[in-house]
N, C-alpha and C. Protein backbone atom coordinates (compact mmCIF):
# COMPACT_ATOMS: atom_id res chain seq x y z
N MET A 1 -35.90 25.92 36.60
CA MET A 1 -36.86 26.07 35.83
C MET A 1 -36.61 25.24 34.52
N ALA A 2 -37.60 24.67 34.15
CA ALA A 2 -37.33 23.72 32.60
C ALA A 2 -38.38 24.57 31.75
N PHE A 3 -38.30 24.04 30.61
CA PHE A 3 -38.83 24.65 29.30
C PHE A 3 -39.31 23.19 28.66
N VAL A 4 -40.64 23.33 28.80
CA VAL A 4 -41.53 22.09 28.00
C VAL A 4 -41.97 22.47 26.74
N SER A 5 -41.61 21.52 25.61
CA SER A 5 -42.22 21.71 24.04
C SER A 5 -43.22 20.63 23.82
N ALA A 6 -44.30 21.02 23.67
CA ALA A 6 -45.43 19.98 23.28
C ALA A 6 -45.35 19.96 21.63
N SER A 7 -44.87 21.34 21.17
CA SER A 7 -44.75 20.94 19.59
C SER A 7 -43.42 21.86 19.44
N GLU A 8 -42.95 22.05 18.02
CA GLU A 8 -41.51 22.13 17.69
C GLU A 8 -41.45 23.97 17.99
N ASP A 9 -42.43 24.70 17.69
CA ASP A 9 -42.16 26.00 17.91
C ASP A 9 -42.88 26.67 19.15
N ARG A 10 -43.05 25.92 20.02
CA ARG A 10 -43.66 26.64 21.16
C ARG A 10 -42.86 26.20 22.47
N ARG A 11 -42.04 26.85 23.07
CA ARG A 11 -41.46 26.58 24.42
C ARG A 11 -42.38 27.15 25.41
N VAL A 12 -42.50 26.61 26.60
CA VAL A 12 -43.19 27.00 27.79
C VAL A 12 -42.28 26.70 28.91
N PRO A 13 -41.88 27.90 29.86
CA PRO A 13 -41.32 27.84 31.01
C PRO A 13 -42.20 26.96 32.05
N LEU A 14 -41.54 26.20 32.83
CA LEU A 14 -42.34 25.29 33.90
C LEU A 14 -41.64 24.98 35.12
N PRO A 15 -42.01 25.39 36.35
CA PRO A 15 -41.21 24.89 37.18
C PRO A 15 -40.77 23.78 37.39
N SER A 16 -39.38 23.25 37.87
CA SER A 16 -39.06 21.56 37.71
C SER A 16 -38.07 21.86 39.03
N GLN A 17 -38.01 20.26 39.52
CA GLN A 17 -37.06 19.99 40.40
C GLN A 17 -36.49 18.60 40.22
N LEU A 18 -35.44 18.57 40.35
CA LEU A 18 -34.74 17.11 40.27
C LEU A 18 -34.61 16.87 41.74
N ARG A 19 -35.03 15.52 42.15
CA ARG A 19 -34.81 15.31 43.56
C ARG A 19 -34.18 13.95 43.75
N TYR A 20 -33.29 13.56 44.96
CA TYR A 20 -32.73 12.23 44.95
C TYR A 20 -32.93 12.09 46.40
N ASP A 21 -32.86 10.49 46.68
CA ASP A 21 -33.40 10.01 47.97
C ASP A 21 -32.26 8.93 48.18
N PRO A 22 -31.28 8.92 48.98
CA PRO A 22 -30.31 7.89 49.13
C PRO A 22 -31.17 6.62 49.53
N THR A 23 -32.27 6.14 49.94
CA THR A 23 -32.94 5.07 50.33
C THR A 23 -33.28 4.55 49.13
N ASP A 24 -33.36 5.30 47.94
CA ASP A 24 -33.76 4.67 46.72
C ASP A 24 -32.78 5.17 45.56
N PRO A 25 -31.55 4.40 45.88
CA PRO A 25 -30.17 5.34 45.30
C PRO A 25 -30.23 5.11 43.63
N TYR A 26 -30.91 4.17 43.33
CA TYR A 26 -30.69 4.04 41.66
C TYR A 26 -31.40 5.05 41.12
N ALA A 27 -32.75 5.74 41.55
CA ALA A 27 -33.58 6.79 40.91
C ALA A 27 -33.39 8.01 41.32
N VAL A 28 -33.82 8.64 40.10
CA VAL A 28 -33.81 10.13 40.49
C VAL A 28 -35.34 10.82 40.20
N HIS A 29 -35.52 11.77 40.79
CA HIS A 29 -37.31 12.37 40.69
C HIS A 29 -37.29 13.56 39.96
N LEU A 30 -37.96 13.71 38.71
CA LEU A 30 -38.33 14.87 38.19
C LEU A 30 -39.54 15.32 38.23
N SER A 31 -39.58 16.65 39.06
CA SER A 31 -40.87 17.17 39.34
C SER A 31 -41.31 18.30 38.23
N LEU A 32 -42.24 18.35 37.49
CA LEU A 32 -42.91 19.11 36.72
C LEU A 32 -44.04 19.94 37.08
N GLY A 33 -43.97 21.26 37.09
CA GLY A 33 -45.32 21.80 37.39
C GLY A 33 -45.37 22.66 38.61
N ALA A 34 -46.28 23.39 39.05
CA ALA A 34 -46.24 24.17 40.14
C ALA A 34 -46.47 23.30 41.40
N PRO A 35 -45.77 23.20 42.64
CA PRO A 35 -46.13 22.30 43.82
C PRO A 35 -47.78 22.25 44.28
N MET A 36 -48.02 23.38 44.32
CA MET A 36 -49.49 23.74 44.56
C MET A 36 -50.56 23.29 43.50
N ALA A 37 -50.37 22.98 42.47
CA ALA A 37 -51.20 22.54 41.43
C ALA A 37 -51.20 20.98 41.14
N GLY A 38 -50.03 20.43 42.04
CA GLY A 38 -49.87 18.82 42.31
C GLY A 38 -49.11 18.71 40.95
N PRO A 39 -47.61 18.82 41.01
CA PRO A 39 -46.72 18.41 40.17
C PRO A 39 -46.70 17.00 39.27
N VAL A 40 -46.46 16.86 38.34
CA VAL A 40 -46.27 15.62 37.65
C VAL A 40 -44.72 14.75 38.14
N VAL A 41 -44.79 13.73 38.62
CA VAL A 41 -43.29 13.31 38.89
C VAL A 41 -43.00 12.32 37.93
N TRP A 42 -41.70 12.18 37.43
CA TRP A 42 -41.23 11.16 36.66
C TRP A 42 -40.14 10.60 37.47
N VAL A 43 -39.94 9.42 37.61
CA VAL A 43 -38.85 8.77 38.08
C VAL A 43 -38.15 7.64 37.17
N PHE A 44 -36.81 7.97 37.08
CA PHE A 44 -36.09 7.20 36.19
C PHE A 44 -34.69 7.01 36.80
N ALA A 45 -33.64 6.16 36.22
CA ALA A 45 -32.60 5.75 36.69
C ALA A 45 -31.32 6.95 36.53
N ARG A 46 -30.94 7.47 37.78
CA ARG A 46 -29.79 8.17 37.66
C ARG A 46 -28.92 8.04 36.71
N GLU A 47 -28.51 6.89 36.62
CA GLU A 47 -27.50 6.42 35.57
C GLU A 47 -27.90 6.94 34.16
N LEU A 48 -29.14 6.90 33.87
CA LEU A 48 -29.86 7.32 32.47
C LEU A 48 -29.58 9.07 32.60
N LEU A 49 -29.70 9.40 33.42
CA LEU A 49 -29.51 10.90 33.47
C LEU A 49 -28.21 11.33 33.12
N ALA A 50 -27.18 10.72 34.02
CA ALA A 50 -25.72 10.85 33.92
C ALA A 50 -25.26 10.69 32.41
N GLU A 51 -25.64 9.50 31.85
CA GLU A 51 -25.49 9.15 30.62
C GLU A 51 -26.25 10.15 29.75
N GLY A 52 -26.83 10.56 30.02
CA GLY A 52 -27.35 11.54 28.76
C GLY A 52 -26.82 13.08 28.93
N LEU A 53 -26.03 13.13 29.73
CA LEU A 53 -25.34 14.27 29.53
C LEU A 53 -23.98 14.06 28.74
N ARG A 54 -23.65 13.02 28.06
CA ARG A 54 -22.67 12.72 27.71
C ARG A 54 -23.13 12.40 26.04
N ARG A 55 -24.25 11.49 26.02
CA ARG A 55 -24.50 10.95 24.59
C ARG A 55 -25.89 10.77 24.75
N PRO A 56 -26.66 10.49 23.82
CA PRO A 56 -27.99 10.05 23.84
C PRO A 56 -28.29 8.74 24.53
N ALA A 57 -29.32 8.84 25.38
CA ALA A 57 -29.51 7.43 26.31
C ALA A 57 -31.13 7.04 26.46
N GLY A 58 -31.19 5.99 26.59
CA GLY A 58 -32.92 5.79 26.73
C GLY A 58 -33.38 4.93 25.76
N VAL A 59 -34.44 4.02 26.29
CA VAL A 59 -35.37 3.45 25.30
C VAL A 59 -36.68 3.77 26.48
N GLY A 60 -38.05 3.34 25.43
CA GLY A 60 -39.03 3.55 26.26
C GLY A 60 -39.61 4.75 26.59
N ASP A 61 -40.09 5.37 27.76
CA ASP A 61 -40.79 6.53 27.98
C ASP A 61 -40.00 7.53 28.51
N VAL A 62 -38.71 7.22 28.95
CA VAL A 62 -37.63 8.42 28.82
C VAL A 62 -36.47 8.41 28.20
N LEU A 63 -36.02 9.34 27.45
CA LEU A 63 -35.26 9.63 26.55
C LEU A 63 -34.30 10.68 27.10
N VAL A 64 -32.91 10.64 27.02
CA VAL A 64 -32.19 11.93 27.54
C VAL A 64 -31.07 11.78 26.55
N PHE A 65 -31.00 13.41 25.95
CA PHE A 65 -29.95 13.79 25.15
C PHE A 65 -28.92 15.10 25.66
N PRO A 66 -27.88 14.90 25.13
CA PRO A 66 -26.60 15.97 25.73
C PRO A 66 -27.01 17.35 25.23
N ARG A 67 -25.94 18.06 25.40
CA ARG A 67 -26.14 19.48 25.15
C ARG A 67 -26.23 19.49 23.74
N HIS A 68 -26.97 20.58 23.10
CA HIS A 68 -27.04 20.79 21.66
C HIS A 68 -26.38 22.05 20.88
N ARG A 69 -25.80 22.00 20.10
CA ARG A 69 -25.54 23.20 19.72
C ARG A 69 -26.01 24.30 19.52
N CYS A 70 -27.32 24.18 19.52
CA CYS A 70 -28.04 25.46 19.49
C CYS A 70 -28.74 26.01 20.82
N LEU A 71 -28.46 25.33 21.79
CA LEU A 71 -28.50 25.37 23.26
C LEU A 71 -27.53 25.04 23.88
N PRO A 72 -26.36 25.34 23.94
CA PRO A 72 -25.01 24.70 24.43
C PRO A 72 -25.19 24.34 26.31
N ASP A 73 -25.75 24.84 26.76
CA ASP A 73 -26.09 24.84 28.13
C ASP A 73 -27.61 24.08 28.73
N THR A 74 -27.98 23.37 27.75
CA THR A 74 -29.12 22.81 27.67
C THR A 74 -29.26 21.57 27.33
N MET A 75 -29.66 20.57 28.14
CA MET A 75 -29.89 18.95 28.11
C MET A 75 -31.49 18.82 27.77
N ARG A 76 -31.61 17.69 27.11
CA ARG A 76 -33.06 17.46 26.72
C ARG A 76 -33.51 16.04 27.24
N ILE A 77 -34.54 16.26 27.83
CA ILE A 77 -35.23 14.96 28.32
C ILE A 77 -36.81 14.96 27.45
N VAL A 78 -36.90 13.60 26.94
CA VAL A 78 -38.26 13.56 26.13
C VAL A 78 -38.79 12.38 27.02
N LEU A 79 -39.95 12.71 27.40
CA LEU A 79 -40.96 12.04 28.24
C LEU A 79 -42.42 11.53 27.70
N ARG A 80 -42.20 10.33 27.36
CA ARG A 80 -43.52 9.89 26.58
C ARG A 80 -44.45 9.14 27.30
N THR A 81 -45.75 8.91 26.86
CA THR A 81 -46.92 8.35 27.17
C THR A 81 -47.61 8.27 26.00
N ARG A 82 -48.79 7.02 26.71
CA ARG A 82 -49.78 6.66 25.23
C ARG A 82 -50.36 8.03 24.83
N ALA A 83 -50.55 8.94 25.47
CA ALA A 83 -51.40 10.20 25.14
C ALA A 83 -50.30 10.96 24.38
N GLY A 84 -49.10 11.10 24.32
CA GLY A 84 -48.01 11.89 23.71
C GLY A 84 -46.69 12.17 24.27
N ALA A 85 -46.43 13.11 23.79
CA ALA A 85 -44.77 13.36 24.24
C ALA A 85 -44.57 14.64 24.95
N ALA A 86 -43.60 14.95 25.40
CA ALA A 86 -42.93 16.14 25.74
C ALA A 86 -41.78 16.37 25.99
N LEU A 87 -41.32 17.56 25.44
CA LEU A 87 -39.35 17.79 25.07
C LEU A 87 -39.50 18.72 26.61
N VAL A 88 -38.37 18.16 27.35
CA VAL A 88 -38.00 19.14 28.66
C VAL A 88 -36.72 19.42 28.75
N GLU A 89 -36.70 20.45 28.54
CA GLU A 89 -35.17 21.26 28.45
C GLU A 89 -34.59 21.78 29.94
N LEU A 90 -33.53 21.11 30.28
CA LEU A 90 -32.96 21.51 31.64
C LEU A 90 -31.43 22.11 31.39
N PRO A 91 -31.24 23.20 32.30
CA PRO A 91 -29.88 23.63 32.07
C PRO A 91 -28.92 22.50 32.63
N ALA A 92 -27.89 22.23 31.72
CA ALA A 92 -26.98 20.90 31.81
C ALA A 92 -26.00 21.06 33.12
N SER A 93 -25.79 22.57 33.29
CA SER A 93 -24.89 22.74 34.40
C SER A 93 -25.74 22.36 35.60
N GLU A 94 -27.11 22.66 35.66
CA GLU A 94 -27.54 22.30 37.05
C GLU A 94 -27.73 20.82 37.21
N VAL A 95 -27.99 20.22 36.27
CA VAL A 95 -27.82 18.74 36.27
C VAL A 95 -26.86 18.06 36.35
N THR A 96 -25.64 18.73 36.03
CA THR A 96 -24.17 18.33 36.52
C THR A 96 -23.87 18.70 37.70
N ARG A 97 -24.38 19.55 38.47
CA ARG A 97 -24.26 19.95 39.79
C ARG A 97 -25.13 18.81 40.51
N PHE A 98 -26.09 18.86 40.07
CA PHE A 98 -27.05 17.66 40.98
C PHE A 98 -26.66 16.42 40.71
N LEU A 99 -25.96 15.74 39.62
CA LEU A 99 -25.31 14.58 39.70
C LEU A 99 -24.57 14.30 41.01
N ARG A 100 -23.48 15.72 40.73
CA ARG A 100 -22.36 15.53 41.70
C ARG A 100 -22.66 15.24 43.12
N THR A 101 -23.66 16.39 43.45
CA THR A 101 -24.03 15.91 45.09
C THR A 101 -24.62 14.45 44.91
N THR A 102 -25.53 14.10 44.13
CA THR A 102 -26.13 12.77 44.38
C THR A 102 -24.92 11.65 44.66
N GLY A 103 -23.94 11.87 43.70
CA GLY A 103 -22.68 11.02 43.71
C GLY A 103 -22.00 11.21 44.98
N GLU A 104 -21.98 12.34 45.88
CA GLU A 104 -21.22 12.53 47.15
C GLU A 104 -22.00 11.64 48.56
N LEU A 105 -23.32 11.77 48.03
CA LEU A 105 -24.51 10.84 49.06
C LEU A 105 -24.01 9.43 48.75
N VAL A 106 -24.10 8.95 47.49
CA VAL A 106 -24.46 7.58 47.08
C VAL A 106 -23.17 7.58 45.64
N PRO A 107 -21.92 7.10 46.02
CA PRO A 107 -21.09 6.91 44.78
C PRO A 107 -21.79 6.26 43.96
N PRO A 108 -21.59 6.67 42.57
CA PRO A 108 -22.03 5.58 41.66
C PRO A 108 -21.40 4.15 41.39
N GLY A 109 -22.15 2.95 41.56
CA GLY A 109 -21.49 1.91 41.53
C GLY A 109 -21.87 1.50 42.77
N THR A 110 -22.15 2.17 44.04
CA THR A 110 -22.10 1.59 45.49
C THR A 110 -23.73 1.43 45.69
N GLU A 111 -24.66 1.49 44.72
CA GLU A 111 -25.93 1.95 45.02
C GLU A 111 -26.45 0.72 45.95
N GLY A 112 -26.13 -0.64 45.74
CA GLY A 112 -26.26 -1.96 46.23
C GLY A 112 -26.31 -1.87 47.45
N ALA A 113 -25.42 -1.12 48.41
CA ALA A 113 -24.71 -1.18 49.70
C ALA A 113 -25.90 -0.24 50.51
N TYR A 114 -26.69 0.54 49.55
CA TYR A 114 -27.86 1.52 50.19
C TYR A 114 -28.99 0.70 50.21
N VAL A 115 -29.29 -0.44 49.70
CA VAL A 115 -30.63 -1.00 49.34
C VAL A 115 -30.84 -1.69 50.46
N ASP A 116 -32.09 -1.79 51.35
CA ASP A 116 -32.30 -2.62 52.26
C ASP A 116 -33.22 -3.93 51.65
N ILE A 117 -32.58 -4.81 51.19
CA ILE A 117 -33.26 -6.14 50.46
C ILE A 117 -34.35 -6.80 51.13
N ASP A 118 -34.04 -6.69 52.55
CA ASP A 118 -34.89 -7.37 53.55
C ASP A 118 -36.27 -6.81 53.71
N SER A 119 -36.20 -5.68 53.75
CA SER A 119 -37.41 -4.77 53.71
C SER A 119 -38.16 -5.02 52.57
N GLY A 120 -37.51 -4.67 51.59
CA GLY A 120 -38.11 -4.37 50.25
C GLY A 120 -39.05 -5.93 49.98
N LEU A 121 -38.49 -6.87 50.20
CA LEU A 121 -39.00 -8.15 50.27
C LEU A 121 -40.34 -8.39 51.02
N ALA A 122 -40.06 -8.24 52.54
CA ALA A 122 -41.11 -7.85 53.41
C ALA A 122 -42.08 -7.16 52.59
N GLN A 123 -42.10 -6.03 52.01
CA GLN A 123 -43.12 -5.23 51.57
C GLN A 123 -43.89 -6.02 50.44
N LEU A 124 -43.08 -6.67 49.55
CA LEU A 124 -43.55 -7.15 48.34
C LEU A 124 -44.42 -8.33 48.72
N THR A 125 -44.12 -8.92 49.71
CA THR A 125 -44.60 -10.44 50.27
C THR A 125 -45.97 -10.03 51.18
N GLY A 126 -45.93 -8.91 51.77
CA GLY A 126 -46.96 -8.55 52.73
C GLY A 126 -46.42 -8.97 54.05
N ARG A 127 -45.27 -9.58 54.40
CA ARG A 127 -44.88 -10.02 55.69
C ARG A 127 -44.19 -9.07 56.12
N SER A 128 -44.15 -9.13 57.52
CA SER A 128 -43.58 -8.27 58.55
C SER A 128 -42.98 -9.25 59.58
N ASP A 129 -41.91 -8.60 60.02
CA ASP A 129 -41.18 -9.64 61.29
C ASP A 129 -41.07 -8.73 62.39
């Protein structure tokens, strides 16, 4: 469960789920909202999530911040669009556990060995062999 803040004084609980697919080894997927209502899914770098556990990280649409002294077991992710921004708070212990599991599936630094470049190029060019 995540907490989302659209303003500084209002935190709202929101179902959330971090997902990882070894066939897309550089990315993590953060789903926010109830599955039946069609969750919003943000995709960003696994490395960004890991770095954000240690220090502020990211530029652009996704920013990740480590634990805060007021909420020591929470990490924060800022998600920005043209329409606005939302602050998502996730339990840092769950994110740490998630990253440990992804690291067992695809160790950091070895992602390139899990990418099928030929298939990706065929999809991009519209060719099939």
